[in-house]
Amino acid sequence: MNAHLETLKQIIDPDVGVNIVDLGLVESITEQDGHVHVALLMTTPACPQSGFMKDEVRRLIPGASVEVLDHPLWHPTRMSADAKAQLGWS
């Protein structure tokens, strides 16, 4: 699964400019019988970028199923130290 996380770091949130892994938008990645499922959170429930992010996950992990979760709600504490530094929050 670490390989999938590294792959998903290629996806940059167009509104924030930080990759979705460091931003804390990847809730889970599961793999069963060769099928990958990715669950994402958005920074807001009505995020206009959710379709873009789902498409990007599918592009980078062909055949993956992707869902955007309503819960838990995203919170800035989910961000990595690198993301906080990029945004000047450290």
PDB file of N, CA and C in Angstrom:
ATOM      1  N   MET A   1       0.808  -1.200   0.000  1.00  0.00           N
ATOM      2  CA  MET A   1       0.000   0.000   0.000  1.00  0.00           C
ATOM      3  C   MET A   1       0.851   1.263   0.000  1.00  0.00           C
ATOM      4  N   ASN A   2       2.045   1.191   0.543  1.00  0.00           N
ATOM      5  CA  ASN A   2       2.916   2.361   0.509  1.00  0.00           C
ATOM      6  C   ASN A   2       3.208   2.797  -0.915  1.00  0.00           C
ATOM      7  N   ALA A   3       3.296   1.839  -1.830  1.00  0.00           N
ATOM      8  CA  ALA A   3       3.523   2.185  -3.236  1.00  0.00           C
ATOM      9  C   ALA A   3       2.350   2.993  -3.775  1.00  0.00           C
ATOM     10  N   HIS A   4       1.133   2.622  -3.392  1.00  0.00           N
ATOM     11  CA  HIS A   4      -0.041   3.378  -3.835  1.00  0.00           C
ATOM     12  C   HIS A   4      -0.026   4.790  -3.241  1.00  0.00           C
ATOM     13  N   LEU A   5       0.352   4.915  -1.984  1.00  0.00           N
ATOM     14  CA  LEU A   5       0.432   6.249  -1.379  1.00  0.00           C
ATOM     15  C   LEU A   5       1.456   7.110  -2.104  1.00  0.00           C
ATOM     16  N   GLU A   6       2.595   6.536  -2.411  1.00  0.00           N
ATOM     17  CA  GLU A   6       3.615   7.288  -3.147  1.00  0.00           C
ATOM     18  C   GLU A   6       3.085   7.714  -4.513  1.00  0.00           C
ATOM     19  N   THR A   7       2.356   6.826  -5.168  1.00  0.00           N
ATOM     20  CA  THR A   7       1.761   7.148  -6.466  1.00  0.00           C
ATOM     21  C   THR A   7       0.787   8.307  -6.338  1.00  0.00           C
ATOM     22  N   LEU A   8      -0.045   8.270  -5.297  1.00  0.00           N
ATOM     23  CA  LEU A   8      -1.067   9.303  -5.127  1.00  0.00           C
ATOM     24  C   LEU A   8      -0.478  10.665  -4.760  1.00  0.00           C
ATOM     25  N   LYS A   9       0.769  10.697  -4.340  1.00  0.00           N
ATOM     26  CA  LYS A   9       1.419  11.986  -4.067  1.00  0.00           C
ATOM     27  C   LYS A   9       1.587  12.812  -5.338  1.00  0.00           C
ATOM     28  N   GLN A  10       1.389  12.187  -6.493  1.00  0.00           N
ATOM     29  CA  GLN A  10       1.454  12.923  -7.760  1.00  0.00           C
ATOM     30  C   GLN A  10       0.237  13.822  -7.966  1.00  0.00           C
ATOM     31  N   ILE A  11      -0.830  13.567  -7.214  1.00  0.00           N
ATOM     32  CA  ILE A  11      -2.062  14.348  -7.377  1.00  0.00           C
ATOM     33  C   ILE A  11      -1.980  15.580  -6.484  1.00  0.00           C
ATOM     34  N   ILE A  12      -1.990  16.728  -7.108  1.00  0.00           N
ATOM     35  CA  ILE A  12      -1.912  17.997  -6.390  1.00  0.00           C
ATOM     36  C   ILE A  12      -3.310  18.605  -6.329  1.00  0.00           C
ATOM     37  N   ASP A  13      -3.749  18.941  -5.128  1.00  0.00           N
ATOM     38  CA  ASP A  13      -5.032  19.628  -4.978  1.00  0.00           C
ATOM     39  C   ASP A  13      -4.900  20.977  -5.680  1.00  0.00           C
ATOM     40  N   PRO A  14      -5.681  21.213  -6.749  1.00  0.00           N
ATOM     41  CA  PRO A  14      -5.514  22.443  -7.527  1.00  0.00           C
ATOM     42  C   PRO A  14      -5.865  23.711  -6.754  1.00  0.00           C
ATOM     43  N   ASP A  15      -6.658  23.589  -5.705  1.00  0.00           N
ATOM     44  CA  ASP A  15      -7.026  24.773  -4.929  1.00  0.00           C
ATOM     45  C   ASP A  15      -5.985  25.131  -3.877  1.00  0.00           C
ATOM     46  N   VAL A  16      -5.246  24.122  -3.412  1.00  0.00           N
ATOM     47  CA  VAL A  16      -4.315  24.340  -2.303  1.00  0.00           C
ATOM     48  C   VAL A  16      -2.857  24.258  -2.743  1.00  0.00           C
ATOM     49  N   GLY A  17      -2.578  23.446  -3.776  1.00  0.00           N
ATOM     50  CA  GLY A  17      -1.217  23.306  -4.264  1.00  0.00           C
ATOM     51  C   GLY A  17      -0.370  22.309  -3.499  1.00  0.00           C
ATOM     52  N   VAL A  18      -1.020  21.418  -2.747  1.00  0.00           N
ATOM     53  CA  VAL A  18      -0.333  20.392  -1.965  1.00  0.00           C
ATOM     54  C   VAL A  18      -0.869  19.041  -2.411  1.00  0.00           C
ATOM     55  N   ASN A  19      -0.016  18.014  -2.394  1.00  0.00           N
ATOM     56  CA  ASN A  19      -0.495  16.701  -2.824  1.00  0.00           C
ATOM     57  C   ASN A  19      -1.523  16.143  -1.843  1.00  0.00           C
ATOM     58  N   ILE A  20      -2.396  15.278  -2.357  1.00  0.00           N
ATOM     59  CA  ILE A  20      -3.531  14.804  -1.564  1.00  0.00           C
ATOM     60  C   ILE A  20      -3.129  13.902  -0.405  1.00  0.00           C
ATOM     61  N   VAL A  21      -1.970  13.267  -0.487  1.00  0.00           N
ATOM     62  CA  VAL A  21      -1.516  12.419   0.624  1.00  0.00           C
ATOM     63  C   VAL A  21      -1.080  13.301   1.791  1.00  0.00           C
ATOM     64  N   ASP A  22      -0.194  14.260   1.525  1.00  0.00           N
ATOM     65  CA  ASP A  22       0.273  15.142   2.595  1.00  0.00           C
ATOM     66  C   ASP A  22      -0.832  16.048   3.117  1.00  0.00           C
ATOM     67  N   LEU A  23      -1.805  16.328   2.280  1.00  0.00           N
ATOM     68  CA  LEU A  23      -2.936  17.144   2.715  1.00  0.00           C
ATOM     69  C   LEU A  23      -3.873  16.359   3.635  1.00  0.00           C
ATOM     70  N   GLY A  24      -3.740  15.045   3.635  1.00  0.00           N
ATOM     71  CA  GLY A  24      -4.571  14.215   4.507  1.00  0.00           C
ATOM     72  C   GLY A  24      -5.905  13.847   3.895  1.00  0.00           C
ATOM     73  N   LEU A  25      -5.980  13.849   2.568  1.00  0.00           N
ATOM     74  CA  LEU A  25      -7.243  13.539   1.899  1.00  0.00           C
ATOM     75  C   LEU A  25      -7.440  12.049   1.639  1.00  0.00           C
ATOM     76  N   VAL A  26      -6.393  11.246   1.781  1.00  0.00           N
ATOM     77  CA  VAL A  26      -6.528   9.803   1.566  1.00  0.00           C
ATOM     78  C   VAL A  26      -6.895   9.165   2.900  1.00  0.00           C
ATOM     79  N   GLU A  27      -8.129   8.747   3.019  1.00  0.00           N
ATOM     80  CA  GLU A  27      -8.608   8.117   4.258  1.00  0.00           C
ATOM     81  C   GLU A  27      -8.141   6.672   4.347  1.00  0.00           C
ATOM     82  N   SER A  28      -8.242   5.947   3.228  1.00  0.00           N
ATOM     83  CA  SER A  28      -7.797   4.551   3.251  1.00  0.00           C
ATOM     84  C   SER A  28      -7.533   4.047   1.839  1.00  0.00           C
ATOM     85  N   ILE A  29      -6.668   3.048   1.788  1.00  0.00           N
ATOM     86  CA  ILE A  29      -6.415   2.292   0.561  1.00  0.00           C
ATOM     87  C   ILE A  29      -6.474   0.827   0.959  1.00  0.00           C
ATOM     88  N   THR A  30      -7.371   0.097   0.322  1.00  0.00           N
ATOM     89  CA  THR A  30      -7.464  -1.334   0.603  1.00  0.00           C
ATOM     90  C   THR A  30      -7.256  -2.096  -0.694  1.00  0.00           C
ATOM     91  N   GLU A  31      -6.688  -3.265  -0.551  1.00  0.00           N
ATOM     92  CA  GLU A  31      -6.455  -4.110  -1.717  1.00  0.00           C
ATOM     93  C   GLU A  31      -6.888  -5.520  -1.362  1.00  0.00           C
ATOM     94  N   GLN A  32      -7.750  -6.073  -2.210  1.00  0.00           N
ATOM     95  CA  GLN A  32      -8.240  -7.433  -1.990  1.00  0.00           C
ATOM     96  C   GLN A  32      -8.393  -8.122  -3.339  1.00  0.00           C
ATOM     97  N   ASP A  33      -7.802  -9.279  -3.446  1.00  0.00           N
ATOM     98  CA  ASP A  33      -7.862 -10.065  -4.682  1.00  0.00           C
ATOM     99  C   ASP A  33      -7.439  -9.247  -5.900  1.00  0.00           C
ATOM    100  N   GLY A  34      -6.426  -8.409  -5.719  1.00  0.00           N
ATOM    101  CA  GLY A  34      -5.903  -7.619  -6.826  1.00  0.00           C
ATOM    102  C   GLY A  34      -6.686  -6.359  -7.138  1.00  0.00           C
ATOM    103  N   HIS A  35      -7.765  -6.109  -6.407  1.00  0.00           N
ATOM    104  CA  HIS A  35      -8.570  -4.906  -6.630  1.00  0.00           C
ATOM    105  C   HIS A  35      -8.224  -3.860  -5.573  1.00  0.00           C
ATOM    106  N   VAL A  36      -8.013  -2.638  -6.023  1.00  0.00           N
ATOM    107  CA  VAL A  36      -7.662  -1.542  -5.119  1.00  0.00           C
ATOM    108  C   VAL A  36      -8.874  -0.637  -4.934  1.00  0.00           C
ATOM    109  N   HIS A  37      -9.134  -0.279  -3.680  1.00  0.00           N
ATOM    110  CA  HIS A  37     -10.205   0.658  -3.348  1.00  0.00           C
ATOM    111  C   HIS A  37      -9.587   1.820  -2.577  1.00  0.00           C
ATOM    112  N   VAL A  38      -9.873   3.035  -3.025  1.00  0.00           N
ATOM    113  CA  VAL A  38      -9.342   4.236  -2.386  1.00  0.00           C
ATOM    114  C   VAL A  38     -10.511   5.063  -1.864  1.00  0.00           C
ATOM    115  N   ALA A  39     -10.447   5.418  -0.589  1.00  0.00           N
ATOM    116  CA  ALA A  39     -11.451   6.287   0.026  1.00  0.00           C
ATOM    117  C   ALA A  39     -10.797   7.641   0.293  1.00  0.00           C
ATOM    118  N   LEU A  40     -11.444   8.687  -0.194  1.00  0.00           N
ATOM    119  CA  LEU A  40     -10.920  10.047  -0.070  1.00  0.00           C
ATOM    120  C   LEU A  40     -11.833  10.904   0.786  1.00  0.00           C
ATOM    121  N   LEU A  41     -11.246  11.898   1.393  1.00  0.00           N
ATOM    122  CA  LEU A  41     -11.982  12.971   2.048  1.00  0.00           C
ATOM    123  C   LEU A  41     -11.693  14.239   1.261  1.00  0.00           C
ATOM    124  N   MET A  42     -12.596  15.171   1.293  1.00  0.00           N
ATOM    125  CA  MET A  42     -12.359  16.473   0.686  1.00  0.00           C
ATOM    126  C   MET A  42     -12.227  17.501   1.806  1.00  0.00           C
ATOM    127  N   THR A  43     -11.610  18.624   1.507  1.00  0.00           N
ATOM    128  CA  THR A  43     -11.430  19.648   2.533  1.00  0.00           C
ATOM    129  C   THR A  43     -12.752  20.276   2.956  1.00  0.00           C
ATOM    130  N   THR A  44     -13.746  20.232   2.073  1.00  0.00           N
ATOM    131  CA  THR A  44     -15.102  20.667   2.408  1.00  0.00           C
ATOM    132  C   THR A  44     -16.074  19.675   1.777  1.00  0.00           C
ATOM    133  N   PRO A  45     -17.244  19.475   2.383  1.00  0.00           N
ATOM    134  CA  PRO A  45     -18.195  18.505   1.826  1.00  0.00           C
ATOM    135  C   PRO A  45     -18.614  18.799   0.386  1.00  0.00           C
ATOM    136  N   ALA A  46     -18.640  20.054  -0.003  1.00  0.00           N
ATOM    137  CA  ALA A  46     -19.073  20.416  -1.356  1.00  0.00           C
ATOM    138  C   ALA A  46     -17.887  20.767  -2.250  1.00  0.00           C
ATOM    139  N   CYS A  47     -16.747  20.152  -2.015  1.00  0.00           N
ATOM    140  CA  CYS A  47     -15.530  20.471  -2.765  1.00  0.00           C
ATOM    141  C   CYS A  47     -15.751  20.287  -4.268  1.00  0.00           C
ATOM    142  N   PRO A  48     -15.508  21.326  -5.061  1.00  0.00           N
ATOM    143  CA  PRO A  48     -15.703  21.212  -6.504  1.00  0.00           C
ATOM    144  C   PRO A  48     -14.629  20.368  -7.197  1.00  0.00           C
ATOM    145  N   GLN A  49     -13.578  19.999  -6.485  1.00  0.00           N
ATOM    146  CA  GLN A  49     -12.485  19.228  -7.084  1.00  0.00           C
ATOM    147  C   GLN A  49     -12.630  17.719  -6.891  1.00  0.00           C
ATOM    148  N   SER A  50     -13.709  17.267  -6.269  1.00  0.00           N
ATOM    149  CA  SER A  50     -13.832  15.830  -5.978  1.00  0.00           C
ATOM    150  C   SER A  50     -13.824  14.983  -7.247  1.00  0.00           C
ATOM    151  N   GLY A  51     -14.486  15.421  -8.285  1.00  0.00           N
ATOM    152  CA  GLY A  51     -14.491  14.672  -9.543  1.00  0.00           C
ATOM    153  C   GLY A  51     -13.103  14.588 -10.156  1.00  0.00           C
ATOM    154  N   PHE A  52     -12.391  15.702 -10.141  1.00  0.00           N
ATOM    155  CA  PHE A  52     -11.018  15.730 -10.651  1.00  0.00           C
ATOM    156  C   PHE A  52     -10.140  14.747  -9.880  1.00  0.00           C
ATOM    157  N   MET A  53     -10.253  14.769  -8.566  1.00  0.00           N
ATOM    158  CA  MET A  53      -9.396  13.904  -7.752  1.00  0.00           C
ATOM    159  C   MET A  53      -9.721  12.430  -7.958  1.00  0.00           C
ATOM    160  N   LYS A  54     -10.997  12.101  -8.069  1.00  0.00           N
ATOM    161  CA  LYS A  54     -11.379  10.713  -8.347  1.00  0.00           C
ATOM    162  C   LYS A  54     -10.819  10.272  -9.699  1.00  0.00           C
ATOM    163  N   ASP A  55     -10.947  11.119 -10.701  1.00  0.00           N
ATOM    164  CA  ASP A  55     -10.415  10.795 -12.033  1.00  0.00           C
ATOM    165  C   ASP A  55      -8.903  10.597 -11.996  1.00  0.00           C
ATOM    166  N   GLU A  56      -8.209  11.424 -11.245  1.00  0.00           N
ATOM    167  CA  GLU A  56      -6.755  11.312 -11.147  1.00  0.00           C
ATOM    168  C   GLU A  56      -6.340  10.014 -10.458  1.00  0.00           C
ATOM    169  N   VAL A  57      -7.061   9.626  -9.408  1.00  0.00           N
ATOM    170  CA  VAL A  57      -6.756   8.350  -8.743  1.00  0.00           C
ATOM    171  C   VAL A  57      -6.927   7.210  -9.738  1.00  0.00           C
ATOM    172  N   ARG A  58      -8.024   7.228 -10.484  1.00  0.00           N
ATOM    173  CA  ARG A  58      -8.279   6.167 -11.472  1.00  0.00           C
ATOM    174  C   ARG A  58      -7.228   6.167 -12.585  1.00  0.00           C
ATOM    175  N   ARG A  59      -6.747   7.329 -12.949  1.00  0.00           N
ATOM    176  CA  ARG A  59      -5.713   7.419 -13.980  1.00  0.00           C
ATOM    177  C   ARG A  59      -4.405   6.807 -13.482  1.00  0.00           C
ATOM    178  N   LEU A  60      -4.063   7.078 -12.244  1.00  0.00           N
ATOM    179  CA  LEU A  60      -2.789   6.615 -11.691  1.00  0.00           C
ATOM    180  C   LEU A  60      -2.827   5.167 -11.197  1.00  0.00           C
ATOM    181  N   ILE A  61      -4.007   4.715 -10.773  1.00  0.00           N
ATOM    182  CA  ILE A  61      -4.172   3.326 -10.325  1.00  0.00           C
ATOM    183  C   ILE A  61      -5.310   2.733 -11.159  1.00  0.00           C
ATOM    184  N   PRO A  62      -5.009   2.317 -12.385  1.00  0.00           N
ATOM    185  CA  PRO A  62      -6.053   1.810 -13.284  1.00  0.00           C
ATOM    186  C   PRO A  62      -6.853   0.674 -12.640  1.00  0.00           C
ATOM    187  N   GLY A  63      -8.165   0.766 -12.798  1.00  0.00           N
ATOM    188  CA  GLY A  63      -9.049  -0.258 -12.256  1.00  0.00           C
ATOM    189  C   GLY A  63      -9.458  -0.026 -10.817  1.00  0.00           C
ATOM    190  N   ALA A  64      -8.881   0.977 -10.170  1.00  0.00           N
ATOM    191  CA  ALA A  64      -9.228   1.244  -8.770  1.00  0.00           C
ATOM    192  C   ALA A  64     -10.651   1.769  -8.672  1.00  0.00           C
ATOM    193  N   SER A  65     -11.316   1.397  -7.594  1.00  0.00           N
ATOM    194  CA  SER A  65     -12.587   2.037  -7.280  1.00  0.00           C
ATOM    195  C   SER A  65     -12.279   3.157  -6.289  1.00  0.00           C
ATOM    196  N   VAL A  66     -12.986   4.257  -6.448  1.00  0.00           N
ATOM    197  CA  VAL A  66     -12.711   5.437  -5.634  1.00  0.00           C
ATOM    198  C   VAL A  66     -14.022   5.967  -5.095  1.00  0.00           C
ATOM    199  N   GLU A  67     -14.034   6.274  -3.814  1.00  0.00           N
ATOM    200  CA  GLU A  67     -15.216   6.912  -3.244  1.00  0.00           C
ATOM    201  C   GLU A  67     -14.793   8.113  -2.420  1.00  0.00           C
ATOM    202  N   VAL A  68     -15.670   9.098  -2.374  1.00  0.00           N
ATOM    203  CA  VAL A  68     -15.464  10.269  -1.538  1.00  0.00           C
ATOM    204  C   VAL A  68     -16.390  10.118  -0.340  1.00  0.00           C
ATOM    205  N   LEU A  69     -15.797  10.121   0.843  1.00  0.00           N
ATOM    206  CA  LEU A  69     -16.551   9.923   2.075  1.00  0.00           C
ATOM    207  C   LEU A  69     -17.095  11.244   2.614  1.00  0.00           C
ATOM    208  N   ASP A  70     -18.263  11.165   3.236  1.00  0.00           N
ATOM    209  CA  ASP A  70     -18.832  12.323   3.920  1.00  0.00           C
ATOM    210  C   ASP A  70     -18.278  12.447   5.336  1.00  0.00           C
ATOM    211  N   HIS A  71     -17.884  11.312   5.907  1.00  0.00           N
ATOM    212  CA  HIS A  71     -17.355  11.269   7.274  1.00  0.00           C
ATOM    213  C   HIS A  71     -16.168  10.344   7.313  1.00  0.00           C
ATOM    214  N   PRO A  72     -15.190  10.571   8.096  1.00  0.00           N
ATOM    215  CA  PRO A  72     -15.058  11.713   8.998  1.00  0.00           C
ATOM    216  C   PRO A  72     -14.815  12.995   8.211  1.00  0.00           C
ATOM    217  N   LEU A  73     -15.083  14.104   8.831  1.00  0.00           N
ATOM    218  CA  LEU A  73     -14.812  15.380   8.191  1.00  0.00           C
ATOM    219  C   LEU A  73     -13.310  15.636   8.201  1.00  0.00           C
ATOM    220  N   TRP A  74     -12.830  16.239   7.127  1.00  0.00           N
ATOM    221  CA  TRP A  74     -11.417  16.591   7.062  1.00  0.00           C
ATOM    222  C   TRP A  74     -11.136  17.716   8.052  1.00  0.00           C
ATOM    223  N   HIS A  75      -9.942  17.705   8.627  1.00  0.00           N
ATOM    224  CA  HIS A  75      -9.513  18.750   9.553  1.00  0.00           C
ATOM    225  C   HIS A  75      -8.029  19.018   9.295  1.00  0.00           C
ATOM    226  N   PRO A  76      -7.562  20.240   9.469  1.00  0.00           N
ATOM    227  CA  PRO A  76      -6.153  20.548   9.213  1.00  0.00           C
ATOM    228  C   PRO A  76      -5.159  19.678   9.982  1.00  0.00           C
ATOM    229  N   THR A  77      -5.575  19.081  11.071  1.00  0.00           N
ATOM    230  CA  THR A  77      -4.669  18.205  11.819  1.00  0.00           C
ATOM    231  C   THR A  77      -4.299  16.959  11.022  1.00  0.00           C
ATOM    232  N   ARG A  78      -5.011  16.679   9.946  1.00  0.00           N
ATOM    233  CA  ARG A  78      -4.705  15.531   9.087  1.00  0.00           C
ATOM    234  C   ARG A  78      -3.485  15.796   8.201  1.00  0.00           C
ATOM    235  N   MET A  79      -3.088  17.063   8.055  1.00  0.00           N
ATOM    236  CA  MET A  79      -1.974  17.411   7.170  1.00  0.00           C
ATOM    237  C   MET A  79      -0.641  16.971   7.763  1.00  0.00           C
ATOM    238  N   SER A  80       0.270  16.596   6.876  1.00  0.00           N
ATOM    239  CA  SER A  80       1.631  16.261   7.299  1.00  0.00           C
ATOM    240  C   SER A  80       2.379  17.550   7.646  1.00  0.00           C
ATOM    241  N   ALA A  81       3.507  17.389   8.317  1.00  0.00           N
ATOM    242  CA  ALA A  81       4.352  18.544   8.635  1.00  0.00           C
ATOM    243  C   ALA A  81       4.824  19.232   7.355  1.00  0.00           C
ATOM    244  N   ASP A  82       5.104  18.433   6.315  1.00  0.00           N
ATOM    245  CA  ASP A  82       5.528  19.015   5.035  1.00  0.00           C
ATOM    246  C   ASP A  82       4.438  19.898   4.440  1.00  0.00           C
ATOM    247  N   ALA A  83       3.195  19.421   4.492  1.00  0.00           N
ATOM    248  CA  ALA A  83       2.082  20.202   3.949  1.00  0.00           C
ATOM    249  C   ALA A  83       1.912  21.500   4.725  1.00  0.00           C
ATOM    250  N   LYS A  84       1.979  21.410   6.039  1.00  0.00           N
ATOM    251  CA  LYS A  84       1.848  22.618   6.862  1.00  0.00           C
ATOM    252  C   LYS A  84       2.964  23.613   6.541  1.00  0.00           C
ATOM    253  N   ALA A  85       4.174  23.101   6.347  1.00  0.00           N
ATOM    254  CA  ALA A  85       5.297  23.980   6.007  1.00  0.00           C
ATOM    255  C   ALA A  85       5.084  24.633   4.643  1.00  0.00           C
ATOM    256  N   GLN A  86       4.591  23.853   3.670  1.00  0.00           N
ATOM    257  CA  GLN A  86       4.323  24.409   2.335  1.00  0.00           C
ATOM    258  C   GLN A  86       3.325  25.553   2.404  1.00  0.00           C
ATOM    259  N   LEU A  87       2.367  25.429   3.313  1.00  0.00           N
ATOM    260  CA  LEU A  87       1.324  26.438   3.434  1.00  0.00           C
ATOM    261  C   LEU A  87       1.683  27.541   4.427  1.00  0.00           C
ATOM    262  N   GLY A  88       2.861  27.434   5.028  1.00  0.00           N
ATOM    263  CA  GLY A  88       3.285  28.443   5.986  1.00  0.00           C
ATOM    264  C   GLY A  88       2.598  28.328   7.328  1.00  0.00           C
ATOM    265  N   TRP A  89       2.141  27.115   7.673  1.00  0.00           N
ATOM    266  CA  TRP A  89       1.417  26.899   8.927  1.00  0.00           C
ATOM    267  C   TRP A  89       2.307  26.389  10.047  1.00  0.00           C
ATOM    268  N   SER A  90       3.597  26.260   9.791  1.00  0.00           N
ATOM    269  CA  SER A  90       4.447  25.671  10.838  1.00  0.00           C
ATOM    270  C   SER A  90       5.085  26.733  11.703  1.00  0.00           C
TER     271      SER A  90
END
